[in-house]
Protein backbone atom coordinates (compact mmCIF):
# COMPACT_ATOMS: atom_id res chain seq x y z
CA MET A 1 22.61 -4.12 -0.21
CA LYS A 2 21.67 -1.53 2.40
CA VAL A 3 17.92 -1.54 3.00
CA CYS A 4 15.93 0.78 5.24
CA ILE A 5 12.34 0.07 6.23
CA VAL A 6 10.41 3.29 6.79
CA GLY A 7 7.38 2.41 8.87
CA ALA A 8 7.99 -0.89 10.67
CA GLY A 9 4.33 -1.70 11.22
CA ALA A 10 2.32 -4.62 9.89
CA ILE A 11 3.71 -4.66 6.34
CA GLY A 12 7.02 -2.90 6.99
CA GLY A 13 7.79 -5.24 9.87
CA PHE A 14 6.80 -8.23 7.75
CA ILE A 15 9.22 -7.26 5.00
CA GLY A 16 11.95 -6.08 7.37
CA THR A 17 11.93 -9.21 9.51
CA ARG A 18 12.11 -11.58 6.56
CA LEU A 19 14.92 -9.59 4.95
CA ALA A 20 16.85 -9.48 8.23
CA VAL A 21 16.37 -13.21 8.87
CA ALA A 22 17.45 -14.07 5.31
CA GLY A 23 20.73 -12.25 5.90
CA ARG A 24 21.20 -11.06 2.31
CA ALA A 25 20.98 -7.36 3.18
CA ASP A 26 22.02 -4.85 5.83
CA VAL A 27 18.55 -3.98 7.14
CA SER A 28 17.68 -0.96 9.26
CA ALA A 29 14.48 0.81 10.26
CA LEU A 30 13.37 4.41 10.52
CA ALA A 31 10.82 4.33 13.32
CA ARG A 32 9.61 6.23 16.34
CA GLY A 33 7.83 5.87 19.67
CA ALA A 34 6.90 2.44 20.95
CA THR A 35 7.87 0.73 17.69
CA LEU A 36 11.37 2.20 17.85
CA HIS A 37 11.74 1.07 21.46
CA ALA A 38 10.53 -2.44 20.63
CA LEU A 39 12.92 -2.79 17.70
CA ARG A 40 15.87 -1.62 19.77
CA THR A 41 15.11 -3.88 22.72
CA GLN A 42 13.62 -6.97 21.06
CA GLY A 43 14.67 -6.78 17.41
CA TRP A 44 12.62 -7.77 14.38
CA ARG A 45 9.79 -10.16 15.32
CA LEU A 46 7.33 -12.02 13.11
CA GLU A 47 4.87 -14.77 13.99
CA MET A 48 4.30 -16.88 10.90
CA GLY A 49 3.44 -20.49 10.19
CA GLY A 50 3.38 -21.46 13.86
CA GLU A 51 6.84 -20.11 14.63
CA ARG A 52 8.44 -16.84 15.61
CA LEU A 53 11.10 -15.36 13.35
CA GLN A 54 13.43 -12.95 15.08
CA ALA A 55 16.59 -11.00 14.23
CA PRO A 56 18.54 -8.09 15.73
CA ALA A 57 17.43 -4.68 14.46
CA ARG A 58 19.24 -1.41 13.92
CA ALA A 59 16.67 1.34 14.28
CA SER A 60 16.65 5.10 14.61
CA ALA A 61 14.24 8.02 14.57
CA ASP A 62 16.86 10.06 12.69
CA ALA A 63 17.32 9.33 8.98
CA ALA A 64 20.73 11.03 9.02
CA GLU A 65 21.96 8.47 11.55
CA LEU A 66 21.11 5.63 9.13
CA GLY A 67 22.61 7.33 6.06
CA VAL A 68 22.25 6.74 2.34
CA GLN A 69 20.61 3.42 1.40
CA ASP A 70 20.46 1.25 -1.70
CA LEU A 71 16.78 0.46 -1.16
CA VAL A 72 14.21 2.35 0.92
CA VAL A 73 10.94 0.50 1.58
CA ILE A 74 8.15 2.90 2.57
CA ALA A 75 5.38 1.07 4.42
CA VAL A 76 3.42 3.77 6.20
CA LYS A 77 -0.28 4.58 6.00
CA ALA A 78 -1.10 7.04 3.22
CA PRO A 79 -2.05 9.93 5.57
CA ALA A 80 1.48 9.84 7.01
CA LEU A 81 3.32 9.86 3.69
CA ALA A 82 3.76 13.62 3.28
CA SER A 83 5.58 13.97 6.61
CA VAL A 84 7.64 10.85 5.90
CA ALA A 85 8.66 12.10 2.46
CA ALA A 86 9.93 15.31 4.02
CA ALA A 87 12.05 13.39 6.54
CA ILE A 88 13.82 10.75 4.44
CA ALA A 89 16.16 12.92 2.34
CA PRO A 90 19.28 11.65 4.23
CA LEU A 91 18.40 8.09 3.12
CA LEU A 92 18.34 8.98 -0.56
CA GLY A 93 21.41 9.07 -2.76
CA PRO A 94 21.38 9.42 -6.56
CA GLU A 95 21.19 5.62 -7.03
CA THR A 96 18.78 4.85 -4.17
CA VAL A 97 15.65 2.95 -5.16
CA VAL A 98 12.41 3.73 -3.28
CA LEU A 99 9.82 0.97 -2.96
CA PRO A 100 6.44 2.21 -1.61
CA ALA A 101 4.66 -0.85 -0.18
CA MET A 102 1.35 0.92 0.45
CA ASN A 103 -2.38 0.65 -0.22
CA GLY A 104 -4.32 2.53 -2.87
CA VAL A 105 -3.26 4.87 -5.66
CA PRO A 106 0.36 6.01 -5.18
CA TRP A 107 1.43 9.60 -5.82
CA TRP A 108 3.42 8.59 -8.92
CA PHE A 109 0.57 6.68 -10.57
CA CYS A 110 -0.49 9.24 -13.20
CA GLU A 111 2.79 11.11 -13.68
CA ARG A 112 3.42 9.78 -17.21
CA VAL A 113 -0.23 9.35 -18.21
CA PRO A 114 -1.41 11.59 -21.08
CA GLY A 115 -3.47 14.44 -19.69
CA PHE A 116 -1.80 14.29 -16.26
CA GLU A 117 1.67 15.49 -17.23
CA ARG A 118 3.41 16.93 -14.19
CA GLN A 119 0.07 17.54 -12.51
CA PRO A 120 0.06 15.64 -9.22
CA LEU A 121 -3.04 13.89 -7.99
CA ARG A 122 -4.34 16.38 -5.43
CA SER A 123 -6.05 13.62 -3.48
CA VAL A 124 -2.76 11.91 -2.62
CA ASP A 125 -0.16 14.66 -3.17
CA PRO A 126 -2.01 17.99 -2.78
CA ASP A 127 0.89 20.35 -3.42
CA GLY A 128 3.29 18.00 -5.20
CA ALA A 129 5.63 17.87 -2.20
CA ILE A 130 5.81 14.06 -2.15
CA GLY A 131 6.74 13.93 -5.83
CA ARG A 132 9.46 16.53 -5.32
CA ALA A 133 10.90 14.71 -2.31
CA ILE A 134 10.83 11.27 -3.96
CA PRO A 135 11.64 11.61 -7.68
CA PHE A 136 9.65 9.43 -10.06
CA GLU A 137 12.92 8.17 -11.56
CA GLN A 138 13.94 6.59 -8.24
CA VAL A 139 10.67 4.74 -7.62
CA ILE A 140 9.99 1.04 -8.13
CA GLY A 141 6.28 0.31 -7.84
CA CYS A 142 5.06 -2.38 -5.46
CA VAL A 143 1.76 -4.16 -4.92
CA VAL A 144 1.38 -6.14 -1.69
CA HIS A 145 -0.83 -9.23 -1.56
CA ALA A 146 -0.53 -10.14 2.11
CA SER A 147 -2.48 -9.67 5.31
CA THR A 148 -0.62 -8.96 8.54
CA ALA A 149 -1.32 -7.30 11.87
CA THR A 150 0.58 -5.81 14.80
CA PRO A 151 -0.83 -7.11 18.11
CA GLU A 152 1.78 -4.96 19.87
CA PRO A 153 4.44 -2.47 18.71
CA GLY A 154 7.27 -4.18 16.85
CA LEU A 155 5.56 -7.59 16.66
CA VAL A 156 3.99 -8.67 13.36
CA ARG A 157 1.50 -11.49 13.01
CA HIS A 158 1.10 -12.97 9.53
CA ARG A 159 -2.43 -13.90 8.48
CA MET A 160 -2.40 -14.83 4.81
CA GLY A 161 -0.52 -14.25 1.56
CA GLN A 162 3.07 -13.32 0.89
CA GLY A 163 2.92 -11.94 -2.62
CA LEU A 164 4.89 -8.88 -3.71
CA ILE A 165 4.69 -7.53 -7.25
CA VAL A 166 7.39 -5.01 -8.24
CA GLY A 167 8.00 -3.09 -11.42
CA GLU A 168 9.04 0.12 -13.13
CA PRO A 169 6.38 2.86 -12.87
CA ALA A 170 7.03 3.81 -16.49
CA GLY A 171 6.48 0.21 -17.61
CA GLY A 172 8.78 -2.50 -18.90
CA ARG A 173 11.36 -4.47 -16.95
CA SER A 174 14.75 -3.36 -15.68
CA GLU A 175 17.86 -4.73 -14.00
CA ARG A 176 17.25 -2.67 -10.86
CA ALA A 177 13.68 -3.93 -10.47
CA GLN A 178 14.94 -7.47 -10.98
CA ARG A 179 17.53 -6.97 -8.22
CA VAL A 180 14.77 -5.87 -5.87
CA ALA A 181 12.58 -8.81 -6.90
CA ASP A 182 15.47 -11.23 -6.38
CA LEU A 183 16.25 -9.84 -2.93
CA LEU A 184 12.63 -10.22 -1.85
CA ALA A 185 12.40 -13.71 -3.33
CA GLN A 186 15.52 -14.75 -1.41
CA ALA A 187 13.71 -13.64 1.76
CA GLY A 188 10.85 -16.03 1.00
CA PHE A 189 8.29 -13.77 -0.68
CA ASP A 190 6.27 -14.86 -3.71
CA THR A 191 7.74 -12.18 -5.92
CA THR A 192 6.73 -11.12 -9.42
CA HIS A 193 8.67 -8.70 -11.62
CA SER A 194 5.89 -7.01 -13.57
CA ALA A 195 6.20 -5.21 -16.89
CA ASP A 196 3.04 -3.20 -16.06
CA ILE A 197 2.96 -2.33 -12.38
CA ARG A 198 0.29 0.33 -12.98
CA GLN A 199 -2.09 -2.37 -14.20
CA ASP A 200 -1.31 -4.50 -11.15
CA THR A 201 -1.88 -1.50 -8.88
CA TRP A 202 -5.24 -0.68 -10.44
CA TYR A 203 -6.37 -4.29 -10.36
CA LYS A 204 -5.72 -4.57 -6.62
CA LEU A 205 -7.41 -1.23 -6.06
CA TRP A 206 -10.43 -2.37 -8.08
CA GLY A 207 -10.85 -5.26 -5.67
CA ASN A 208 -10.35 -3.14 -2.53
CA LEU A 209 -12.21 -0.02 -3.58
CA THR A 210 -15.56 -1.15 -2.19
CA ILE A 211 -14.90 -3.85 0.42
CA ASN A 212 -12.45 -1.67 2.36
CA PRO A 213 -14.61 1.43 2.91
CA VAL A 214 -17.96 -0.41 3.08
CA CYS A 215 -16.64 -2.66 5.86
CA ALA A 216 -15.22 0.40 7.62
CA ILE A 217 -18.53 2.28 7.46
CA THR A 218 -20.72 -0.65 8.50
CA GLY A 219 -18.40 -2.51 10.86
CA ALA A 220 -19.24 -5.70 8.95
CA THR A 221 -16.74 -8.30 7.82
CA ALA A 222 -16.30 -8.89 4.10
CA ASP A 223 -18.47 -11.99 3.99
CA ALA A 224 -21.41 -10.11 5.49
CA VAL A 225 -21.07 -7.31 2.94
CA LEU A 226 -21.13 -9.76 0.04
CA ALA A 227 -24.05 -11.69 1.55
CA ASP A 228 -26.35 -8.65 1.41
CA PRO A 229 -27.78 -8.42 -2.15
CA ALA A 230 -28.35 -4.65 -2.06
CA VAL A 231 -24.89 -3.86 -0.72
CA ARG A 232 -23.29 -6.33 -3.11
CA ASP A 233 -25.08 -4.69 -6.06
CA PHE A 234 -23.87 -1.27 -4.93
CA CYS A 235 -20.30 -2.59 -4.75
CA SER A 236 -20.68 -4.01 -8.26
CA ALA A 237 -21.84 -0.64 -9.58
CA VAL A 238 -18.78 1.09 -8.10
CA MET A 239 -16.50 -1.56 -9.59
CA ARG A 240 -18.02 -1.12 -13.05
CA GLU A 241 -17.28 2.61 -12.83
CA ALA A 242 -13.71 1.90 -11.71
CA ALA A 243 -13.25 -0.48 -14.64
CA GLU A 244 -14.33 2.26 -17.06
CA ILE A 245 -11.95 4.72 -15.40
CA GLY A 246 -9.12 2.18 -15.64
CA ALA A 247 -9.75 1.66 -19.34
CA ARG A 248 -9.31 5.42 -19.89
CA ILE A 249 -5.85 5.43 -18.26
CA GLY A 250 -4.43 2.25 -19.76
CA CYS A 251 -5.41 -0.12 -16.96
CA PRO A 252 -8.31 -2.23 -18.29
CA ILE A 253 -9.99 -4.82 -16.07
CA ALA A 254 -10.88 -8.14 -17.70
CA GLN A 255 -12.89 -9.57 -14.79
CA THR A 256 -16.47 -8.80 -13.88
CA PRO A 257 -17.43 -7.63 -10.39
CA GLU A 258 -19.06 -11.02 -9.78
CA ASP A 259 -15.78 -12.74 -10.66
CA ARG A 260 -14.03 -10.66 -8.03
CA HIS A 261 -16.75 -11.15 -5.43
CA ALA A 262 -16.31 -14.91 -5.81
CA VAL A 263 -12.59 -14.58 -5.09
CA THR A 264 -13.18 -12.33 -2.07
CA ALA A 265 -15.88 -14.65 -0.70
CA LYS A 266 -13.32 -17.46 -0.44
CA LEU A 267 -11.44 -15.41 2.16
CA GLY A 268 -14.35 -15.69 4.57
CA ALA A 269 -15.08 -13.37 7.49
CA PHE A 270 -12.02 -11.15 7.32
CA LYS A 271 -11.62 -7.52 8.36
CA PRO A 272 -10.05 -5.35 5.64
CA SER A 273 -7.32 -2.91 6.61
CA MET A 274 -9.62 0.12 6.75
CA LEU A 275 -11.94 -1.58 9.24
CA GLN A 276 -8.92 -2.55 11.33
CA ASP A 277 -7.84 1.12 11.31
CA VAL A 278 -11.31 2.27 12.39
CA GLU A 279 -11.36 -0.20 15.27
CA ALA A 280 -7.90 0.97 16.35
CA GLY A 281 -8.87 4.66 16.10
CA ARG A 282 -6.33 5.33 13.35
CA ALA A 283 -6.72 7.64 10.35
CA VAL A 284 -8.19 5.80 7.36
CA GLU A 285 -6.58 5.71 3.91
CA LEU A 286 -9.67 7.13 2.26
CA ASP A 287 -8.06 9.51 -0.20
CA ALA A 288 -5.63 6.93 -1.56
CA ILE A 289 -8.26 4.23 -1.95
CA VAL A 290 -11.41 6.15 -2.96
CA GLY A 291 -10.62 9.86 -3.31
CA ALA A 292 -7.98 9.30 -5.98
CA VAL A 293 -10.41 7.22 -8.06
CA VAL A 294 -13.00 10.01 -7.98
CA GLU A 295 -10.36 12.59 -8.92
CA ILE A 296 -9.09 10.50 -11.83
CA ALA A 297 -12.68 9.98 -13.02
CA GLN A 298 -13.24 13.74 -13.05
CA ARG A 299 -10.02 14.39 -14.93
CA VAL A 300 -10.71 11.82 -17.66
CA GLY A 301 -14.40 12.63 -17.98
CA VAL A 302 -15.97 9.48 -16.56
CA VAL A 303 -19.25 9.99 -14.70
CA ALA A 304 -18.98 7.94 -11.49
CA PRO A 305 -21.99 8.65 -9.25
CA HIS A 306 -21.73 5.45 -7.19
CA THR A 307 -18.03 5.93 -6.45
CA THR A 308 -18.63 9.58 -5.59
CA ALA A 309 -21.45 8.57 -3.24
CA LEU A 310 -19.18 6.02 -1.56
CA LEU A 311 -16.53 8.70 -1.06
CA GLY A 312 -19.09 11.08 0.45
CA LEU A 313 -20.43 8.45 2.84
CA ALA A 314 -16.95 7.38 3.90
CA ARG A 315 -15.80 10.96 4.47
CA LEU A 316 -18.86 11.72 6.58
CA PHE A 317 -18.28 8.57 8.60
CA ALA A 318 -14.61 9.44 9.15
CA ARG A 319 -15.46 12.99 10.26
CA THR A 320 -18.10 11.83 12.72
CA ARG A 321 -15.64 9.32 14.18
CA GLY A 322 -12.80 11.87 14.32
CA LEU A 323 -10.58 9.79 12.05
């Protein structure tokens, strides 16, 4: 299987290195700048479990040079997706499967949901260009449960987790999704082939919706956020709104906010991805993680004042920081 990793950063490099080391696929990378140089000169590199995994890498800044792939893994930050979608056409043949391994609400999430027919989510795909460039029929959904970082371009450091959930966006299971799941499992990932990837996507979002932006705004680690009763109560209020929104779109949440807080608390003093982006001066994935939730709430008629307030605060923070 020919596999191209688009965005060989923390998650893309994690997946690419393990696939390359496993040797079950012909793995390449579409990259640029310092990451491209690092891949060409030092190959795939991953620090995990006290050892360094390394493999030669074929990388290019030109999608046409890499050619049509069987599987394209997109692992860029949400703000970069529109430009990436416009550049990857040479990678996509009629049978190519696209696996977006990204945070938040993906552009395809509401495409087959009643009331959203062929109306893209403006928060994540303002003019529908992403959906036109990457057809819904070629997408396999993916939810990443792993924490990684890039201490330098091309080098990935694993922190915790190695779970990947994959599934058909329209629901159900398929042979092509199983092939992707099998390939990832052979590379050492804890892989699940889900019959309801939308539910899995919303569940992860429900857990990240508050911790990610609140940590980014305050600069606090997750444990400090949960230790403050007022902030914790605010997070719970947002999560209750998100659960109501999910129920309206076929993604009910069985847990309570307190259930989820207990799970998050076990992770200790960690910095969510949005706080890491703020500290690095990178654009934050605000629209995909919070903006899309507010838009969906408006379109299904759920009043969500706490989530809307969180979005307003986070947007103001991002503007003042130039992110």
